[in-house]
Amino acid sequence: MSEQLKALIEPVVEGMGCLLWGIEYLPHGKNGSLKVYIDSEDGVDVDDCARVSHQLSAMLDVEDPIQGKYTLEVSSPGMDRRLFTSDQFDAWKGAQIKLSLRTPYEGRKRFKGLLCGIEEGDVVVRSGDEEYLFPLEDIDRANIVPTFDV
C-alpha cells in the first residue's frame, strides 16, 4: 500500500512546492491514521500543511485508496524527524539517531548512536566503541535525536 499511496500523494505535494518526506499509515481497528510528512528548502509552516492537507484530502476522497475511516494528518518532519529512505539516512550522516529493528540483533531491538551513513544498502551506526550495520529493510523506525547548543 505504501508505494500506491506514494504514487498518489507525491505529485500533489510536489505540485504545491513541497517535498514528500514520508508517509505512515497506522490502522487502528475501524479508524486509521494517515500521516504525511512534508518539507521544503525553506521549511514548512502551519499554512503549508493546511494547504497540502486540503489538496490531499480532496484527491484521496476521489481515489479512495484506503478502506474504511481514517484521519489525515499533514505535518513537517520536525526536529526528531523520522528517516524513511537510504537517501535520507545518507543526508543525515553525522547526526545522533535512535532506531528500532523489526527483529532483535544480539538480543536487542533498540539502538542509539551516531549515524555514519549508508554502506552497500546497510545503515551504519556507531554506538560507543561498536559499529553496527543494519539492512534498511530490517529497520522498523529510525529518528533523529535533536541536539541543542547551549
N, C-alpha and C. Protein backbone atom coordinates (compact mmCIF):
# COMPACT_ATOMS: atom_id res chain seq x y z
N MET A 1 0.82 -1.19 0.00
CA MET A 1 0.00 0.00 0.00
C MET A 1 0.86 1.25 0.00
N SER A 2 2.01 1.20 0.59
CA SER A 2 2.87 2.38 0.72
C SER A 2 3.28 2.95 -0.64
N GLU A 3 3.66 2.10 -1.59
CA GLU A 3 4.05 2.58 -2.91
C GLU A 3 2.86 3.17 -3.66
N GLN A 4 1.68 2.55 -3.49
CA GLN A 4 0.47 3.08 -4.12
C GLN A 4 0.14 4.46 -3.54
N LEU A 5 0.22 4.59 -2.22
CA LEU A 5 -0.04 5.88 -1.59
C LEU A 5 0.97 6.93 -2.04
N LYS A 6 2.23 6.53 -2.09
CA LYS A 6 3.27 7.47 -2.52
C LYS A 6 3.01 7.96 -3.95
N ALA A 7 2.61 7.05 -4.83
CA ALA A 7 2.34 7.41 -6.22
C ALA A 7 1.18 8.40 -6.33
N LEU A 8 0.22 8.32 -5.43
CA LEU A 8 -0.90 9.26 -5.42
C LEU A 8 -0.54 10.59 -4.75
N ILE A 9 0.18 10.50 -3.63
CA ILE A 9 0.42 11.67 -2.78
C ILE A 9 1.57 12.54 -3.29
N GLU A 10 2.65 11.94 -3.74
CA GLU A 10 3.85 12.71 -4.10
C GLU A 10 3.59 13.79 -5.16
N PRO A 11 2.87 13.51 -6.25
CA PRO A 11 2.63 14.57 -7.24
C PRO A 11 1.85 15.77 -6.67
N VAL A 12 0.92 15.50 -5.78
CA VAL A 12 0.14 16.58 -5.16
C VAL A 12 1.04 17.44 -4.29
N VAL A 13 1.85 16.80 -3.45
CA VAL A 13 2.76 17.52 -2.55
C VAL A 13 3.77 18.35 -3.36
N GLU A 14 4.38 17.73 -4.36
CA GLU A 14 5.38 18.44 -5.17
C GLU A 14 4.74 19.55 -5.99
N GLY A 15 3.50 19.35 -6.44
CA GLY A 15 2.78 20.38 -7.18
C GLY A 15 2.50 21.61 -6.34
N MET A 16 2.56 21.45 -5.03
CA MET A 16 2.34 22.57 -4.11
C MET A 16 3.66 23.16 -3.61
N GLY A 17 4.77 22.76 -4.26
CA GLY A 17 6.06 23.34 -3.93
C GLY A 17 6.75 22.74 -2.72
N CYS A 18 6.32 21.57 -2.32
CA CYS A 18 6.92 20.91 -1.15
C CYS A 18 7.54 19.58 -1.57
N LEU A 19 8.27 18.98 -0.65
CA LEU A 19 8.90 17.68 -0.83
C LEU A 19 8.18 16.69 0.06
N LEU A 20 7.86 15.52 -0.49
CA LEU A 20 7.28 14.46 0.33
C LEU A 20 8.40 13.81 1.12
N TRP A 21 8.38 13.98 2.45
CA TRP A 21 9.42 13.40 3.30
C TRP A 21 9.11 11.94 3.60
N GLY A 22 7.85 11.64 3.90
CA GLY A 22 7.48 10.26 4.21
C GLY A 22 6.00 10.11 4.47
N ILE A 23 5.56 8.86 4.48
CA ILE A 23 4.16 8.52 4.70
C ILE A 23 4.10 7.39 5.72
N GLU A 24 3.16 7.51 6.66
CA GLU A 24 2.89 6.45 7.63
C GLU A 24 1.40 6.18 7.63
N TYR A 25 1.02 4.95 7.44
CA TYR A 25 -0.39 4.58 7.63
C TYR A 25 -0.46 3.66 8.83
N LEU A 26 -1.25 4.06 9.82
CA LEU A 26 -1.39 3.29 11.04
C LEU A 26 -2.84 2.86 11.20
N PRO A 27 -3.16 1.60 10.88
CA PRO A 27 -4.53 1.14 11.07
C PRO A 27 -4.84 0.98 12.56
N HIS A 28 -6.01 1.42 12.98
CA HIS A 28 -6.44 1.29 14.38
C HIS A 28 -7.88 0.78 14.38
N GLY A 29 -8.04 -0.50 14.16
CA GLY A 29 -9.40 -1.06 14.10
C GLY A 29 -10.17 -0.44 12.95
N LYS A 30 -11.30 0.18 13.27
CA LYS A 30 -12.14 0.79 12.24
C LYS A 30 -11.64 2.18 11.84
N ASN A 31 -10.80 2.79 12.65
CA ASN A 31 -10.31 4.14 12.38
C ASN A 31 -8.79 4.13 12.29
N GLY A 32 -8.26 4.52 11.15
CA GLY A 32 -6.82 4.56 10.96
C GLY A 32 -6.31 5.99 10.95
N SER A 33 -5.01 6.11 10.75
CA SER A 33 -4.37 7.41 10.69
C SER A 33 -3.37 7.40 9.54
N LEU A 34 -3.51 8.36 8.63
CA LEU A 34 -2.57 8.53 7.53
C LEU A 34 -1.77 9.79 7.81
N LYS A 35 -0.48 9.61 8.08
CA LYS A 35 0.40 10.75 8.38
C LYS A 35 1.28 11.00 7.17
N VAL A 36 1.25 12.24 6.69
CA VAL A 36 2.04 12.65 5.55
C VAL A 36 2.99 13.74 6.03
N TYR A 37 4.29 13.50 5.87
CA TYR A 37 5.31 14.46 6.30
C TYR A 37 5.83 15.20 5.07
N ILE A 38 5.81 16.53 5.14
CA ILE A 38 6.27 17.35 4.03
C ILE A 38 7.41 18.25 4.50
N ASP A 39 8.25 18.67 3.56
CA ASP A 39 9.36 19.54 3.87
C ASP A 39 9.61 20.43 2.66
N SER A 40 10.48 21.40 2.80
CA SER A 40 10.94 22.22 1.68
C SER A 40 12.27 22.83 2.09
N GLU A 41 12.96 23.41 1.14
CA GLU A 41 14.26 24.02 1.44
C GLU A 41 14.13 25.10 2.50
N ASP A 42 13.01 25.82 2.50
CA ASP A 42 12.79 26.90 3.47
C ASP A 42 12.04 26.43 4.70
N GLY A 43 11.78 25.13 4.80
CA GLY A 43 10.98 24.60 5.89
C GLY A 43 9.50 24.76 5.57
N VAL A 44 8.65 24.20 6.40
CA VAL A 44 7.21 24.32 6.20
C VAL A 44 6.58 24.88 7.46
N ASP A 45 5.46 25.58 7.27
CA ASP A 45 4.73 26.11 8.42
C ASP A 45 3.31 25.56 8.42
N VAL A 46 2.52 26.02 9.36
CA VAL A 46 1.15 25.54 9.51
C VAL A 46 0.33 25.80 8.25
N ASP A 47 0.54 26.94 7.62
CA ASP A 47 -0.21 27.26 6.40
C ASP A 47 0.12 26.28 5.27
N ASP A 48 1.40 25.92 5.14
CA ASP A 48 1.79 24.94 4.12
C ASP A 48 1.09 23.61 4.38
N CYS A 49 1.10 23.19 5.63
CA CYS A 49 0.47 21.91 6.00
C CYS A 49 -1.03 21.95 5.71
N ALA A 50 -1.68 23.07 6.01
CA ALA A 50 -3.12 23.20 5.76
C ALA A 50 -3.42 23.15 4.27
N ARG A 51 -2.61 23.86 3.46
CA ARG A 51 -2.83 23.87 2.00
C ARG A 51 -2.68 22.46 1.42
N VAL A 52 -1.60 21.79 1.81
CA VAL A 52 -1.35 20.43 1.30
C VAL A 52 -2.43 19.47 1.79
N SER A 53 -2.82 19.60 3.05
CA SER A 53 -3.86 18.74 3.61
C SER A 53 -5.17 18.89 2.84
N HIS A 54 -5.54 20.11 2.52
CA HIS A 54 -6.78 20.38 1.77
C HIS A 54 -6.74 19.69 0.41
N GLN A 55 -5.62 19.84 -0.30
CA GLN A 55 -5.48 19.23 -1.63
C GLN A 55 -5.46 17.70 -1.54
N LEU A 56 -4.70 17.18 -0.58
CA LEU A 56 -4.62 15.72 -0.43
C LEU A 56 -5.97 15.13 -0.07
N SER A 57 -6.69 15.80 0.81
CA SER A 57 -7.99 15.31 1.25
C SER A 57 -8.94 15.16 0.06
N ALA A 58 -8.96 16.17 -0.80
CA ALA A 58 -9.82 16.12 -1.99
C ALA A 58 -9.42 14.97 -2.92
N MET A 59 -8.13 14.83 -3.16
CA MET A 59 -7.64 13.77 -4.04
C MET A 59 -7.93 12.38 -3.45
N LEU A 60 -7.70 12.22 -2.15
CA LEU A 60 -7.91 10.92 -1.51
C LEU A 60 -9.39 10.56 -1.47
N ASP A 61 -10.27 11.55 -1.35
CA ASP A 61 -11.71 11.28 -1.40
C ASP A 61 -12.10 10.71 -2.76
N VAL A 62 -11.49 11.22 -3.82
CA VAL A 62 -11.80 10.75 -5.17
C VAL A 62 -11.17 9.38 -5.42
N GLU A 63 -9.88 9.23 -5.12
CA GLU A 63 -9.16 7.99 -5.41
C GLU A 63 -9.52 6.85 -4.46
N ASP A 64 -9.82 7.19 -3.21
CA ASP A 64 -10.23 6.23 -2.18
C ASP A 64 -9.30 5.01 -2.06
N PRO A 65 -7.99 5.25 -1.81
CA PRO A 65 -7.03 4.13 -1.75
C PRO A 65 -7.05 3.35 -0.43
N ILE A 66 -7.70 3.89 0.59
CA ILE A 66 -7.70 3.26 1.91
C ILE A 66 -9.13 2.87 2.27
N GLN A 67 -9.31 1.60 2.61
CA GLN A 67 -10.63 1.13 3.01
C GLN A 67 -10.95 1.61 4.43
N GLY A 68 -12.17 2.00 4.66
CA GLY A 68 -12.59 2.39 6.00
C GLY A 68 -12.26 3.84 6.31
N LYS A 69 -12.51 4.19 7.56
CA LYS A 69 -12.29 5.56 8.02
C LYS A 69 -10.84 5.75 8.46
N TYR A 70 -10.34 6.95 8.24
CA TYR A 70 -9.01 7.30 8.72
C TYR A 70 -8.92 8.81 8.85
N THR A 71 -7.95 9.24 9.63
CA THR A 71 -7.68 10.66 9.81
C THR A 71 -6.43 11.00 9.04
N LEU A 72 -6.49 12.07 8.26
CA LEU A 72 -5.33 12.55 7.52
C LEU A 72 -4.62 13.62 8.35
N GLU A 73 -3.32 13.43 8.55
CA GLU A 73 -2.50 14.42 9.25
C GLU A 73 -1.35 14.81 8.34
N VAL A 74 -1.17 16.10 8.12
CA VAL A 74 -0.05 16.59 7.33
C VAL A 74 0.80 17.46 8.25
N SER A 75 2.10 17.16 8.32
CA SER A 75 2.98 17.94 9.20
C SER A 75 4.40 17.95 8.65
N SER A 76 5.22 18.78 9.27
CA SER A 76 6.64 18.78 8.94
C SER A 76 7.27 17.57 9.62
N PRO A 77 8.45 17.16 9.17
CA PRO A 77 9.12 16.03 9.84
C PRO A 77 9.55 16.36 11.27
N GLY A 78 9.71 17.65 11.58
CA GLY A 78 10.09 18.06 12.92
C GLY A 78 11.57 17.86 13.20
N MET A 79 11.96 18.26 14.40
CA MET A 79 13.37 18.13 14.79
C MET A 79 13.78 16.68 14.99
N ASP A 80 12.83 15.86 15.42
CA ASP A 80 13.13 14.43 15.64
C ASP A 80 12.65 13.61 14.45
N ARG A 81 12.88 14.17 13.27
CA ARG A 81 12.36 13.60 12.03
C ARG A 81 12.66 12.12 11.88
N ARG A 82 11.66 11.44 11.38
CA ARG A 82 11.82 10.01 11.08
C ARG A 82 12.53 9.90 9.73
N LEU A 83 13.43 8.94 9.63
CA LEU A 83 14.13 8.68 8.38
C LEU A 83 13.47 7.50 7.69
N PHE A 84 13.14 7.69 6.40
CA PHE A 84 12.41 6.67 5.65
C PHE A 84 13.26 6.00 4.57
N THR A 85 14.14 6.77 3.91
CA THR A 85 14.84 6.26 2.72
C THR A 85 16.35 6.25 2.92
N SER A 86 17.04 5.50 2.07
CA SER A 86 18.50 5.46 2.17
C SER A 86 19.10 6.84 1.90
N ASP A 87 18.48 7.63 0.99
CA ASP A 87 18.97 8.99 0.74
C ASP A 87 18.87 9.85 1.99
N GLN A 88 17.81 9.69 2.76
CA GLN A 88 17.65 10.45 4.00
C GLN A 88 18.69 10.03 5.03
N PHE A 89 18.94 8.73 5.15
CA PHE A 89 19.98 8.26 6.07
C PHE A 89 21.33 8.84 5.67
N ASP A 90 21.62 8.86 4.38
CA ASP A 90 22.89 9.38 3.92
C ASP A 90 23.01 10.89 4.15
N ALA A 91 21.91 11.62 3.91
CA ALA A 91 21.92 13.07 4.09
C ALA A 91 22.11 13.48 5.55
N TRP A 92 21.67 12.65 6.47
CA TRP A 92 21.77 12.98 7.90
C TRP A 92 22.98 12.32 8.57
N LYS A 93 23.94 11.90 7.76
CA LYS A 93 25.18 11.33 8.29
C LYS A 93 25.79 12.32 9.29
N GLY A 94 26.23 11.82 10.44
CA GLY A 94 26.82 12.67 11.47
C GLY A 94 25.84 13.04 12.58
N ALA A 95 24.57 12.73 12.39
CA ALA A 95 23.56 13.02 13.40
C ALA A 95 23.42 11.86 14.37
N GLN A 96 22.95 12.15 15.56
CA GLN A 96 22.60 11.11 16.52
C GLN A 96 21.23 10.58 16.14
N ILE A 97 21.08 9.26 16.14
CA ILE A 97 19.78 8.67 15.83
C ILE A 97 19.44 7.60 16.86
N LYS A 98 18.15 7.30 16.92
CA LYS A 98 17.70 6.13 17.67
C LYS A 98 16.87 5.32 16.69
N LEU A 99 17.04 4.02 16.76
CA LEU A 99 16.30 3.17 15.84
C LEU A 99 15.82 1.91 16.52
N SER A 100 14.76 1.36 15.96
CA SER A 100 14.27 0.07 16.44
C SER A 100 14.19 -0.87 15.24
N LEU A 101 14.52 -2.11 15.50
CA LEU A 101 14.57 -3.14 14.45
C LEU A 101 13.31 -3.97 14.46
N ARG A 102 13.02 -4.58 13.33
CA ARG A 102 11.87 -5.47 13.23
C ARG A 102 12.09 -6.76 14.03
N THR A 103 13.33 -7.25 14.02
CA THR A 103 13.70 -8.44 14.79
C THR A 103 14.96 -8.13 15.59
N PRO A 104 15.14 -8.76 16.74
CA PRO A 104 16.30 -8.45 17.57
C PRO A 104 17.64 -8.79 16.90
N TYR A 105 18.63 -7.97 17.21
CA TYR A 105 20.01 -8.21 16.81
C TYR A 105 20.83 -8.26 18.10
N GLU A 106 21.54 -9.35 18.32
CA GLU A 106 22.28 -9.56 19.57
C GLU A 106 21.39 -9.33 20.78
N GLY A 107 20.14 -9.79 20.68
CA GLY A 107 19.20 -9.71 21.81
C GLY A 107 18.56 -8.35 22.01
N ARG A 108 18.83 -7.39 21.12
CA ARG A 108 18.27 -6.03 21.27
C ARG A 108 17.51 -5.63 20.02
N LYS A 109 16.49 -4.82 20.24
CA LYS A 109 15.75 -4.24 19.11
C LYS A 109 16.01 -2.74 18.99
N ARG A 110 16.46 -2.11 20.06
CA ARG A 110 16.64 -0.65 20.07
C ARG A 110 18.12 -0.29 20.17
N PHE A 111 18.50 0.68 19.33
CA PHE A 111 19.88 1.16 19.32
C PHE A 111 19.87 2.67 19.22
N LYS A 112 20.91 3.28 19.78
CA LYS A 112 21.08 4.73 19.70
C LYS A 112 22.55 4.99 19.44
N GLY A 113 22.83 5.91 18.52
CA GLY A 113 24.22 6.20 18.24
C GLY A 113 24.39 7.20 17.12
N LEU A 114 25.62 7.30 16.65
CA LEU A 114 25.99 8.23 15.58
C LEU A 114 25.71 7.57 14.23
N LEU A 115 24.95 8.26 13.40
CA LEU A 115 24.67 7.77 12.06
C LEU A 115 25.88 8.03 11.19
N CYS A 116 26.51 6.95 10.71
CA CYS A 116 27.72 7.07 9.88
C CYS A 116 27.42 7.01 8.39
N GLY A 117 26.15 6.80 8.03
CA GLY A 117 25.77 6.79 6.62
C GLY A 117 25.28 5.44 6.15
N ILE A 118 25.37 5.25 4.83
CA ILE A 118 24.91 4.02 4.18
C ILE A 118 26.11 3.35 3.53
N GLU A 119 26.21 2.03 3.73
CA GLU A 119 27.27 1.24 3.11
C GLU A 119 26.64 0.03 2.45
N GLU A 120 26.63 0.00 1.12
CA GLU A 120 26.09 -1.13 0.37
C GLU A 120 24.68 -1.52 0.84
N GLY A 121 23.83 -0.52 1.04
CA GLY A 121 22.45 -0.78 1.44
C GLY A 121 22.23 -0.96 2.92
N ASP A 122 23.29 -0.92 3.71
CA ASP A 122 23.17 -1.05 5.16
C ASP A 122 23.34 0.31 5.83
N VAL A 123 22.56 0.54 6.87
CA VAL A 123 22.69 1.75 7.68
C VAL A 123 23.78 1.48 8.71
N VAL A 124 24.77 2.38 8.77
CA VAL A 124 25.91 2.22 9.67
C VAL A 124 25.72 3.14 10.87
N VAL A 125 25.72 2.54 12.07
CA VAL A 125 25.53 3.30 13.31
C VAL A 125 26.65 2.95 14.27
N ARG A 126 27.29 3.98 14.84
CA ARG A 126 28.34 3.78 15.85
C ARG A 126 27.76 4.10 17.22
N SER A 127 27.83 3.12 18.11
CA SER A 127 27.35 3.28 19.47
C SER A 127 28.49 2.89 20.40
N GLY A 128 29.05 3.89 21.08
CA GLY A 128 30.23 3.63 21.91
C GLY A 128 31.38 3.20 21.02
N ASP A 129 32.02 2.07 21.34
CA ASP A 129 33.13 1.57 20.54
C ASP A 129 32.68 0.60 19.45
N GLU A 130 31.38 0.30 19.40
CA GLU A 130 30.84 -0.66 18.44
C GLU A 130 30.29 0.04 17.21
N GLU A 131 30.45 -0.60 16.05
CA GLU A 131 29.84 -0.12 14.82
C GLU A 131 28.91 -1.21 14.31
N TYR A 132 27.68 -0.83 14.04
CA TYR A 132 26.66 -1.78 13.60
C TYR A 132 26.24 -1.46 12.17
N LEU A 133 25.98 -2.49 11.39
CA LEU A 133 25.42 -2.36 10.05
C LEU A 133 24.06 -3.03 10.05
N PHE A 134 23.02 -2.25 9.78
CA PHE A 134 21.66 -2.76 9.76
C PHE A 134 21.09 -2.63 8.35
N PRO A 135 20.63 -3.74 7.75
CA PRO A 135 19.96 -3.62 6.45
C PRO A 135 18.74 -2.70 6.60
N LEU A 136 18.56 -1.80 5.65
CA LEU A 136 17.48 -0.83 5.71
C LEU A 136 16.12 -1.50 5.92
N GLU A 137 15.90 -2.62 5.26
CA GLU A 137 14.60 -3.31 5.37
C GLU A 137 14.38 -3.92 6.76
N ASP A 138 15.43 -4.06 7.58
CA ASP A 138 15.29 -4.59 8.94
C ASP A 138 14.95 -3.51 9.96
N ILE A 139 15.03 -2.24 9.54
CA ILE A 139 14.76 -1.13 10.46
C ILE A 139 13.27 -0.83 10.45
N ASP A 140 12.67 -0.93 11.63
CA ASP A 140 11.24 -0.64 11.76
C ASP A 140 11.02 0.87 11.81
N ARG A 141 11.87 1.57 12.55
CA ARG A 141 11.72 3.01 12.72
C ARG A 141 13.07 3.60 13.12
N ALA A 142 13.38 4.76 12.53
CA ALA A 142 14.61 5.47 12.90
C ALA A 142 14.30 6.96 12.95
N ASN A 143 14.74 7.61 14.01
CA ASN A 143 14.51 9.04 14.19
C ASN A 143 15.80 9.75 14.57
N ILE A 144 15.90 11.01 14.13
CA ILE A 144 16.99 11.88 14.55
C ILE A 144 16.78 12.22 16.02
N VAL A 145 17.84 12.26 16.79
CA VAL A 145 17.78 12.72 18.17
C VAL A 145 18.22 14.19 18.15
N PRO A 146 17.30 15.11 18.42
CA PRO A 146 17.67 16.54 18.35
C PRO A 146 18.75 16.89 19.37
N THR A 147 19.64 17.77 18.96
CA THR A 147 20.66 18.29 19.88
C THR A 147 20.50 19.80 19.94
N PHE A 148 20.79 20.35 21.08
CA PHE A 148 20.64 21.77 21.28
C PHE A 148 21.96 22.37 21.77
N ASP A 149 22.38 23.46 21.11
CA ASP A 149 23.57 24.15 21.57
C ASP A 149 23.20 25.05 22.72
N VAL A 150 23.99 24.98 23.79
CA VAL A 150 23.68 25.78 24.98
C VAL A 150 24.71 26.87 25.12
